[in-house]
N, C-alpha and C. Protein backbone atom coordinates (compact mmCIF):
# COMPACT_ATOMS: atom_id res chain seq x y z
N UNK A 1 -16.37 -14.39 9.90
CA UNK A 1 -15.00 -13.97 9.81
C UNK A 1 -14.28 -14.86 8.79
N UNK A 2 -13.54 -14.23 7.93
CA UNK A 2 -12.76 -14.94 6.92
C UNK A 2 -11.29 -14.57 7.09
N UNK A 3 -10.44 -15.60 7.11
CA UNK A 3 -8.99 -15.39 7.11
C UNK A 3 -8.41 -16.24 6.00
N UNK A 4 -7.59 -15.61 5.17
CA UNK A 4 -6.96 -16.30 4.06
C UNK A 4 -5.49 -15.91 4.02
N UNK A 5 -4.61 -16.91 3.88
CA UNK A 5 -3.17 -16.64 3.74
C UNK A 5 -2.62 -17.58 2.67
N UNK A 6 -2.05 -16.99 1.63
CA UNK A 6 -1.38 -17.73 0.58
C UNK A 6 0.02 -17.14 0.43
N UNK A 7 1.04 -18.00 0.31
CA UNK A 7 2.39 -17.46 0.13
C UNK A 7 3.28 -18.44 -0.62
N UNK A 8 4.27 -17.89 -1.28
CA UNK A 8 5.30 -18.65 -1.97
C UNK A 8 6.63 -18.14 -1.44
N UNK A 9 7.35 -18.97 -0.68
CA UNK A 9 8.60 -18.56 -0.03
C UNK A 9 9.70 -18.22 -1.03
N UNK A 10 10.56 -17.28 -0.62
CA UNK A 10 11.68 -16.82 -1.43
C UNK A 10 12.98 -17.45 -0.92
N UNK A 11 13.56 -18.40 -1.65
CA UNK A 11 14.80 -19.02 -1.19
C UNK A 11 16.02 -18.09 -1.34
N UNK A 12 15.89 -16.98 -2.07
CA UNK A 12 16.98 -16.04 -2.29
C UNK A 12 16.75 -14.74 -1.54
N UNK A 13 16.18 -14.84 -0.35
CA UNK A 13 15.81 -13.63 0.40
C UNK A 13 17.00 -12.71 0.58
N UNK A 14 16.77 -11.42 0.42
CA UNK A 14 17.79 -10.37 0.54
C UNK A 14 17.85 -9.91 1.99
N UNK A 15 18.98 -10.03 2.63
CA UNK A 15 19.12 -9.65 4.04
C UNK A 15 19.62 -8.22 4.22
N UNK A 16 19.72 -7.44 3.15
CA UNK A 16 20.15 -6.05 3.27
C UNK A 16 19.03 -5.21 3.88
N UNK A 17 19.39 -4.11 4.55
CA UNK A 17 18.35 -3.24 5.12
C UNK A 17 17.39 -2.76 4.04
N UNK A 18 16.15 -2.61 4.44
CA UNK A 18 15.13 -2.22 3.49
C UNK A 18 14.47 -0.90 3.85
N UNK A 19 13.34 -0.67 3.25
CA UNK A 19 12.58 0.55 3.39
C UNK A 19 11.24 0.23 4.05
N UNK A 20 10.80 1.09 4.96
CA UNK A 20 9.49 0.93 5.59
C UNK A 20 8.83 2.29 5.73
N UNK A 21 7.60 2.40 5.26
CA UNK A 21 6.80 3.62 5.38
C UNK A 21 5.47 3.25 6.02
N UNK A 22 5.01 4.08 6.96
CA UNK A 22 3.77 3.79 7.68
C UNK A 22 3.02 5.09 7.93
N UNK A 23 1.71 5.05 7.74
CA UNK A 23 0.85 6.21 8.02
C UNK A 23 -0.37 5.71 8.79
N UNK A 24 -0.68 6.42 9.91
CA UNK A 24 -1.84 6.08 10.74
C UNK A 24 -2.80 7.24 10.76
N UNK A 25 -4.08 6.93 10.89
CA UNK A 25 -5.11 7.97 11.01
C UNK A 25 -6.20 7.49 11.95
N UNK A 26 -6.68 8.38 12.80
CA UNK A 26 -7.80 8.06 13.68
C UNK A 26 -9.08 8.35 12.92
N UNK A 27 -9.98 7.36 12.85
CA UNK A 27 -11.23 7.51 12.12
C UNK A 27 -12.39 7.87 13.03
N UNK A 28 -12.36 7.36 14.26
CA UNK A 28 -13.41 7.64 15.25
C UNK A 28 -12.83 7.36 16.63
N UNK A 29 -13.67 7.39 17.63
CA UNK A 29 -13.20 7.18 19.00
C UNK A 29 -12.46 5.86 19.16
N UNK A 30 -12.89 4.81 18.47
CA UNK A 30 -12.28 3.49 18.63
C UNK A 30 -11.68 2.92 17.35
N UNK A 31 -11.85 3.56 16.23
CA UNK A 31 -11.37 3.01 14.96
C UNK A 31 -10.20 3.81 14.42
N UNK A 32 -9.25 3.08 13.82
CA UNK A 32 -8.07 3.71 13.23
C UNK A 32 -7.75 3.01 11.91
N UNK A 33 -6.99 3.70 11.09
CA UNK A 33 -6.57 3.17 9.80
C UNK A 33 -5.05 3.19 9.75
N UNK A 34 -4.46 2.13 9.22
CA UNK A 34 -3.00 2.06 9.08
C UNK A 34 -2.67 1.57 7.68
N UNK A 35 -1.73 2.26 7.04
CA UNK A 35 -1.25 1.87 5.73
C UNK A 35 0.27 1.75 5.83
N UNK A 36 0.82 0.63 5.33
CA UNK A 36 2.27 0.39 5.41
C UNK A 36 2.79 -0.11 4.06
N UNK A 37 4.01 0.29 3.75
CA UNK A 37 4.71 -0.22 2.58
C UNK A 37 6.12 -0.60 3.01
N UNK A 38 6.53 -1.81 2.63
CA UNK A 38 7.88 -2.30 2.92
C UNK A 38 8.58 -2.69 1.63
N UNK A 39 9.89 -2.63 1.68
CA UNK A 39 10.71 -3.15 0.59
C UNK A 39 12.00 -3.63 1.20
N UNK A 40 12.42 -4.82 0.87
CA UNK A 40 13.75 -5.26 1.28
C UNK A 40 13.79 -6.38 2.28
N UNK A 41 14.68 -6.26 3.26
CA UNK A 41 15.18 -7.33 4.11
C UNK A 41 14.12 -8.19 4.77
N UNK A 42 13.07 -7.61 5.29
CA UNK A 42 12.14 -8.42 6.08
C UNK A 42 11.21 -9.27 5.22
N UNK A 43 11.24 -9.08 3.91
CA UNK A 43 10.35 -9.82 3.02
C UNK A 43 10.98 -11.17 2.67
N UNK A 44 10.32 -12.25 3.04
CA UNK A 44 10.88 -13.56 2.75
C UNK A 44 9.98 -14.37 1.82
N UNK A 45 9.05 -13.72 1.15
CA UNK A 45 8.17 -14.39 0.20
C UNK A 45 8.37 -13.82 -1.20
N UNK A 46 8.29 -14.69 -2.20
CA UNK A 46 8.23 -14.20 -3.58
C UNK A 46 6.90 -13.50 -3.80
N UNK A 47 5.87 -14.03 -3.13
CA UNK A 47 4.55 -13.43 -3.21
C UNK A 47 3.66 -13.97 -2.11
N UNK A 48 2.75 -13.14 -1.62
CA UNK A 48 1.78 -13.62 -0.63
C UNK A 48 0.56 -12.73 -0.66
N UNK A 49 -0.52 -13.27 -0.14
CA UNK A 49 -1.79 -12.55 -0.02
C UNK A 49 -2.40 -12.91 1.33
N UNK A 50 -2.71 -11.89 2.13
CA UNK A 50 -3.39 -12.09 3.42
C UNK A 50 -4.65 -11.26 3.42
N UNK A 51 -5.76 -11.88 3.75
CA UNK A 51 -7.04 -11.19 3.90
C UNK A 51 -7.61 -11.60 5.25
N UNK A 52 -8.03 -10.62 6.04
CA UNK A 52 -8.62 -10.89 7.35
C UNK A 52 -9.84 -9.97 7.51
N UNK A 53 -10.98 -10.57 7.81
CA UNK A 53 -12.22 -9.78 7.96
C UNK A 53 -12.74 -9.78 9.39
N UNK A 54 -11.91 -10.11 10.37
CA UNK A 54 -12.34 -10.17 11.77
C UNK A 54 -12.65 -8.77 12.29
N UNK A 55 -13.90 -8.52 12.68
CA UNK A 55 -14.30 -7.23 13.25
C UNK A 55 -14.28 -7.24 14.76
N UNK A 56 -14.24 -8.42 15.37
CA UNK A 56 -14.23 -8.53 16.82
C UNK A 56 -13.68 -9.90 17.21
N UNK A 57 -13.51 -10.12 18.52
CA UNK A 57 -13.05 -11.41 18.99
C UNK A 57 -11.54 -11.55 19.12
N UNK A 58 -10.80 -10.46 18.90
CA UNK A 58 -9.34 -10.49 19.05
C UNK A 58 -8.87 -9.06 19.28
N UNK A 59 -7.67 -8.91 19.84
CA UNK A 59 -7.10 -7.58 20.05
C UNK A 59 -6.98 -6.85 18.72
N UNK A 60 -7.36 -5.59 18.71
CA UNK A 60 -7.22 -4.71 17.55
C UNK A 60 -7.82 -5.29 16.28
N UNK A 61 -8.99 -5.90 16.42
CA UNK A 61 -9.66 -6.53 15.28
C UNK A 61 -10.08 -5.49 14.25
N UNK A 62 -10.15 -5.93 13.02
CA UNK A 62 -10.59 -5.10 11.92
C UNK A 62 -10.12 -5.69 10.61
N UNK A 63 -10.79 -5.37 9.52
CA UNK A 63 -10.41 -5.95 8.24
C UNK A 63 -9.04 -5.47 7.79
N UNK A 64 -8.31 -6.38 7.15
CA UNK A 64 -6.99 -6.01 6.63
C UNK A 64 -6.71 -6.75 5.33
N UNK A 65 -5.84 -6.12 4.55
CA UNK A 65 -5.39 -6.71 3.30
C UNK A 65 -3.88 -6.49 3.23
N UNK A 66 -3.16 -7.57 2.93
CA UNK A 66 -1.70 -7.48 2.79
C UNK A 66 -1.30 -8.22 1.52
N UNK A 67 -0.56 -7.55 0.66
CA UNK A 67 -0.09 -8.14 -0.59
C UNK A 67 1.42 -7.99 -0.63
N UNK A 68 2.11 -9.08 -0.96
CA UNK A 68 3.57 -9.08 -1.05
C UNK A 68 3.96 -9.66 -2.40
N UNK A 69 4.90 -8.97 -3.08
CA UNK A 69 5.34 -9.46 -4.39
C UNK A 69 6.77 -9.01 -4.65
N UNK A 70 7.67 -9.96 -4.87
CA UNK A 70 9.06 -9.72 -5.24
C UNK A 70 9.76 -8.69 -4.35
N UNK A 71 9.62 -8.86 -3.04
CA UNK A 71 10.34 -8.01 -2.10
C UNK A 71 9.62 -6.75 -1.68
N UNK A 72 8.44 -6.52 -2.19
CA UNK A 72 7.63 -5.37 -1.79
C UNK A 72 6.39 -5.87 -1.07
N UNK A 73 5.98 -5.13 -0.04
CA UNK A 73 4.77 -5.51 0.70
C UNK A 73 3.92 -4.27 0.92
N UNK A 74 2.62 -4.43 0.71
CA UNK A 74 1.64 -3.38 0.96
C UNK A 74 0.63 -3.93 1.96
N UNK A 75 0.34 -3.15 3.01
CA UNK A 75 -0.60 -3.59 4.05
C UNK A 75 -1.52 -2.44 4.41
N UNK A 76 -2.82 -2.69 4.44
CA UNK A 76 -3.81 -1.70 4.87
C UNK A 76 -4.74 -2.38 5.86
N UNK A 77 -5.02 -1.68 6.96
CA UNK A 77 -5.87 -2.26 8.01
C UNK A 77 -6.69 -1.16 8.66
N UNK A 78 -7.98 -1.41 8.79
CA UNK A 78 -8.84 -0.57 9.60
C UNK A 78 -9.13 -1.38 10.85
N UNK A 79 -8.77 -0.86 12.03
CA UNK A 79 -8.82 -1.69 13.22
C UNK A 79 -9.39 -0.95 14.41
N UNK A 80 -9.79 -1.71 15.40
CA UNK A 80 -10.26 -1.18 16.67
C UNK A 80 -9.05 -0.99 17.58
N UNK A 81 -8.94 0.17 18.22
CA UNK A 81 -7.77 0.45 19.05
C UNK A 81 -7.81 -0.29 20.38
N UNK A 82 -8.97 -0.86 20.72
CA UNK A 82 -9.12 -1.52 22.02
C UNK A 82 -8.62 -2.96 21.98
N UNK A 83 -8.28 -3.47 23.16
CA UNK A 83 -7.95 -4.88 23.32
C UNK A 83 -9.23 -5.66 23.61
N UNK A 84 -9.20 -6.94 23.31
CA UNK A 84 -10.35 -7.81 23.51
C UNK A 84 -10.25 -8.50 24.88
N UNK A 85 -11.34 -8.49 25.64
CA UNK A 85 -11.40 -9.19 26.91
C UNK A 85 -11.95 -10.59 26.62
N UNK A 86 -11.07 -11.58 26.59
CA UNK A 86 -11.44 -12.93 26.19
C UNK A 86 -12.34 -13.61 27.21
N UNK A 87 -12.21 -13.25 28.49
CA UNK A 87 -13.07 -13.85 29.51
C UNK A 87 -14.52 -13.35 29.40
N UNK A 88 -14.69 -12.07 29.11
CA UNK A 88 -16.03 -11.48 29.03
C UNK A 88 -16.60 -11.50 27.61
N UNK A 89 -15.75 -11.74 26.61
CA UNK A 89 -16.21 -11.76 25.23
C UNK A 89 -16.63 -10.38 24.73
N UNK A 90 -15.90 -9.35 25.15
CA UNK A 90 -16.22 -7.99 24.74
C UNK A 90 -14.95 -7.14 24.75
N UNK A 91 -15.07 -5.90 24.31
CA UNK A 91 -13.92 -5.00 24.29
C UNK A 91 -13.56 -4.56 25.69
N UNK A 92 -12.27 -4.38 25.95
CA UNK A 92 -11.82 -3.77 27.20
C UNK A 92 -12.32 -2.33 27.24
N UNK A 93 -12.62 -1.86 28.42
CA UNK A 93 -13.13 -0.50 28.54
C UNK A 93 -12.19 0.40 29.31
N UNK A 94 -10.95 -0.01 29.49
CA UNK A 94 -9.98 0.82 30.20
C UNK A 94 -9.72 2.10 29.41
N UNK A 95 -9.62 3.21 30.14
CA UNK A 95 -9.30 4.48 29.50
C UNK A 95 -7.84 4.49 29.06
N UNK A 96 -7.56 5.10 27.92
CA UNK A 96 -6.19 5.32 27.48
C UNK A 96 -6.14 6.63 26.70
N UNK A 97 -4.96 7.08 26.35
CA UNK A 97 -4.82 8.39 25.71
C UNK A 97 -5.45 8.43 24.31
N UNK A 98 -5.71 7.27 23.70
CA UNK A 98 -6.33 7.25 22.38
C UNK A 98 -7.84 7.39 22.43
N UNK A 99 -8.46 6.95 23.54
CA UNK A 99 -9.92 6.98 23.58
C UNK A 99 -10.49 8.00 24.57
N UNK A 100 -9.65 8.90 25.07
CA UNK A 100 -10.12 9.93 25.99
C UNK A 100 -9.49 11.27 25.66
N UNK A 101 -10.15 12.33 26.10
CA UNK A 101 -9.64 13.69 25.89
C UNK A 101 -10.17 14.57 27.02
N UNK A 102 -9.59 15.75 27.22
CA UNK A 102 -10.11 16.65 28.26
C UNK A 102 -11.60 16.91 28.06
N UNK A 103 -12.32 16.89 29.18
CA UNK A 103 -13.76 17.07 29.15
C UNK A 103 -14.54 15.77 29.21
N UNK A 104 -13.89 14.63 28.87
CA UNK A 104 -14.55 13.33 28.93
C UNK A 104 -14.76 12.91 30.38
N UNK A 105 -15.80 12.11 30.59
CA UNK A 105 -16.08 11.51 31.90
C UNK A 105 -15.43 10.13 31.95
N UNK A 106 -14.74 9.84 33.07
CA UNK A 106 -14.13 8.53 33.28
C UNK A 106 -14.49 8.04 34.68
N UNK A 107 -14.48 6.72 34.85
CA UNK A 107 -14.89 6.10 36.12
C UNK A 107 -13.66 5.50 36.80
N UNK A 108 -13.41 5.91 38.04
CA UNK A 108 -12.27 5.36 38.78
C UNK A 108 -12.59 3.95 39.23
N UNK A 109 -11.66 3.01 38.98
CA UNK A 109 -11.83 1.62 39.42
C UNK A 109 -10.97 1.34 40.64
N UNK A 110 -9.68 1.32 40.47
CA UNK A 110 -8.76 1.06 41.59
C UNK A 110 -7.35 1.38 41.14
N UNK A 111 -6.52 1.82 42.08
CA UNK A 111 -5.12 2.05 41.76
C UNK A 111 -4.36 0.75 41.88
N UNK A 112 -3.18 0.74 41.34
CA UNK A 112 -2.33 -0.44 41.44
C UNK A 112 -0.90 0.00 41.69
N UNK A 113 0.03 -0.93 41.68
CA UNK A 113 1.43 -0.57 41.88
C UNK A 113 1.88 0.41 40.79
N UNK A 114 2.71 1.35 41.16
CA UNK A 114 3.19 2.33 40.19
C UNK A 114 4.48 2.94 40.70
N UNK A 115 5.40 3.27 39.79
CA UNK A 115 6.68 3.85 40.20
C UNK A 115 6.53 5.29 40.63
N UNK A 116 5.45 5.99 40.21
CA UNK A 116 5.16 7.33 40.72
C UNK A 116 4.30 7.16 41.97
N UNK A 117 4.94 7.08 43.13
CA UNK A 117 4.21 6.79 44.37
C UNK A 117 3.23 7.90 44.75
N UNK A 118 3.49 9.14 44.28
CA UNK A 118 2.54 10.22 44.58
C UNK A 118 1.19 9.94 43.92
N UNK A 119 1.18 9.29 42.77
CA UNK A 119 -0.09 8.95 42.12
C UNK A 119 -0.88 7.92 42.93
N UNK A 120 -0.15 7.00 43.55
CA UNK A 120 -0.82 6.02 44.41
C UNK A 120 -1.45 6.72 45.61
N UNK A 121 -0.71 7.63 46.21
CA UNK A 121 -1.24 8.41 47.35
C UNK A 121 -2.43 9.26 46.92
N UNK A 122 -2.33 9.90 45.78
CA UNK A 122 -3.44 10.72 45.28
C UNK A 122 -4.69 9.88 45.06
N UNK A 123 -4.51 8.66 44.57
CA UNK A 123 -5.66 7.78 44.28
C UNK A 123 -6.44 7.42 45.53
N UNK A 124 -5.80 7.50 46.68
CA UNK A 124 -6.51 7.21 47.94
C UNK A 124 -7.60 8.24 48.21
N UNK A 125 -7.55 9.37 47.52
CA UNK A 125 -8.55 10.42 47.69
C UNK A 125 -9.78 10.20 46.80
N UNK A 126 -9.71 9.22 45.90
CA UNK A 126 -10.81 8.95 44.98
C UNK A 126 -11.67 7.80 45.48
N UNK A 127 -12.92 7.81 45.08
CA UNK A 127 -13.88 6.76 45.46
C UNK A 127 -14.09 5.83 44.26
N UNK A 128 -13.84 4.54 44.45
CA UNK A 128 -14.05 3.57 43.38
C UNK A 128 -15.50 3.60 42.92
N UNK A 129 -15.70 3.64 41.59
CA UNK A 129 -17.04 3.68 41.03
C UNK A 129 -17.55 5.08 40.73
N UNK A 130 -16.87 6.11 41.28
CA UNK A 130 -17.29 7.49 41.02
C UNK A 130 -16.81 7.94 39.65
N UNK A 131 -17.56 8.87 39.06
CA UNK A 131 -17.24 9.43 37.75
C UNK A 131 -16.55 10.78 37.93
N UNK A 132 -15.48 11.00 37.15
CA UNK A 132 -14.71 12.22 37.21
C UNK A 132 -14.55 12.78 35.79
N UNK A 133 -14.22 14.07 35.70
CA UNK A 133 -14.04 14.74 34.42
C UNK A 133 -12.56 15.00 34.17
N UNK A 134 -12.08 14.64 32.98
CA UNK A 134 -10.67 14.83 32.64
C UNK A 134 -10.38 16.32 32.43
N UNK A 135 -9.37 16.80 33.14
CA UNK A 135 -8.89 18.18 32.99
C UNK A 135 -7.75 18.23 31.98
N UNK A 136 -6.79 17.30 32.12
CA UNK A 136 -5.67 17.24 31.18
C UNK A 136 -5.08 15.83 31.17
N UNK A 137 -4.38 15.52 30.08
CA UNK A 137 -3.71 14.23 29.91
C UNK A 137 -2.28 14.50 29.47
N UNK A 138 -1.31 13.84 30.10
CA UNK A 138 0.09 13.96 29.73
C UNK A 138 0.63 12.57 29.43
N UNK A 139 1.03 12.34 28.19
CA UNK A 139 1.48 11.02 27.75
C UNK A 139 3.00 10.96 27.80
N UNK A 140 3.53 9.93 28.45
CA UNK A 140 4.96 9.62 28.44
C UNK A 140 5.12 8.23 27.86
N UNK A 141 6.33 7.80 27.64
CA UNK A 141 6.55 6.52 26.96
C UNK A 141 6.00 5.32 27.71
N UNK A 142 5.93 5.38 29.03
CA UNK A 142 5.46 4.21 29.77
C UNK A 142 4.37 4.54 30.78
N UNK A 143 3.84 5.75 30.74
CA UNK A 143 2.85 6.15 31.73
C UNK A 143 2.02 7.31 31.17
N UNK A 144 0.75 7.36 31.56
CA UNK A 144 -0.12 8.45 31.13
C UNK A 144 -0.75 9.08 32.36
N UNK A 145 -0.35 10.32 32.65
CA UNK A 145 -0.90 11.05 33.80
C UNK A 145 -2.19 11.74 33.40
N UNK A 146 -3.14 11.76 34.31
CA UNK A 146 -4.39 12.47 34.08
C UNK A 146 -4.67 13.36 35.28
N UNK A 147 -5.09 14.58 35.01
CA UNK A 147 -5.57 15.48 36.06
C UNK A 147 -7.08 15.58 35.90
N UNK A 148 -7.77 15.68 37.04
CA UNK A 148 -9.23 15.70 37.03
C UNK A 148 -9.74 17.07 37.44
N UNK A 149 -10.85 17.48 36.87
CA UNK A 149 -11.47 18.76 37.23
C UNK A 149 -11.76 18.82 38.73
N UNK A 150 -12.14 17.69 39.29
CA UNK A 150 -12.60 17.64 40.67
C UNK A 150 -11.47 17.64 41.70
N UNK A 151 -10.21 17.43 41.27
CA UNK A 151 -9.12 17.28 42.25
C UNK A 151 -7.98 18.28 42.05
N UNK A 152 -8.17 19.30 41.26
CA UNK A 152 -7.12 20.31 41.09
C UNK A 152 -5.95 19.80 40.30
N UNK A 153 -4.74 19.98 40.84
CA UNK A 153 -3.51 19.63 40.12
C UNK A 153 -2.97 18.24 40.45
N UNK A 154 -3.70 17.45 41.21
CA UNK A 154 -3.22 16.10 41.53
C UNK A 154 -3.20 15.25 40.26
N UNK A 155 -2.18 14.38 40.15
CA UNK A 155 -2.08 13.48 39.00
C UNK A 155 -2.42 12.06 39.40
N UNK A 156 -3.05 11.36 38.45
CA UNK A 156 -3.42 9.96 38.62
C UNK A 156 -2.99 9.21 37.37
N UNK A 157 -2.95 7.89 37.44
CA UNK A 157 -2.60 7.08 36.29
C UNK A 157 -3.89 6.78 35.51
N UNK A 158 -3.91 7.12 34.22
CA UNK A 158 -5.11 6.97 33.41
C UNK A 158 -5.61 5.52 33.34
N UNK A 159 -4.69 4.55 33.39
CA UNK A 159 -5.11 3.15 33.28
C UNK A 159 -5.94 2.67 34.48
N UNK A 160 -6.07 3.49 35.53
CA UNK A 160 -6.88 3.12 36.68
C UNK A 160 -8.34 3.45 36.48
N UNK A 161 -8.68 3.98 35.31
CA UNK A 161 -10.05 4.43 35.02
C UNK A 161 -10.65 3.64 33.86
N UNK A 162 -11.97 3.55 33.86
CA UNK A 162 -12.73 3.00 32.73
C UNK A 162 -13.42 4.15 32.01
N UNK A 163 -13.81 3.89 30.78
CA UNK A 163 -14.55 4.90 30.02
C UNK A 163 -16.04 4.59 30.06
């Protein structure tokens, strides 16, 4: 793994609002690509160069290149969508809306506290360690509901499952 950071600070930084453009693309089940361009306020370097070649060992690892010059910044990163489990030294295997789709098999682990108490009650009907098939996924800003082929219209929290 190589990490390199070089920068020359800008003492005349412009605090006016700037421009930000971002495009994301899914490349595979666990890999994604992100390209960003900035101009303006958040840039505090006259110039900088960041290179990171970490493919594993950290959350969302993947090679990246960032170049900043006179108030403009370009960043490209191909990264893993999973978080890193530092205790086990491997990727987390929790299911989420990015790595699962209807028809996929997921393994129930255990329910936890949740503001949708009906999901907690529904989870009591599942057996820890059993494999289930995703029927549908509904993503909300702070919760992801999953329905299973085996349980009809009951909803569960997707984070209670592994892939």
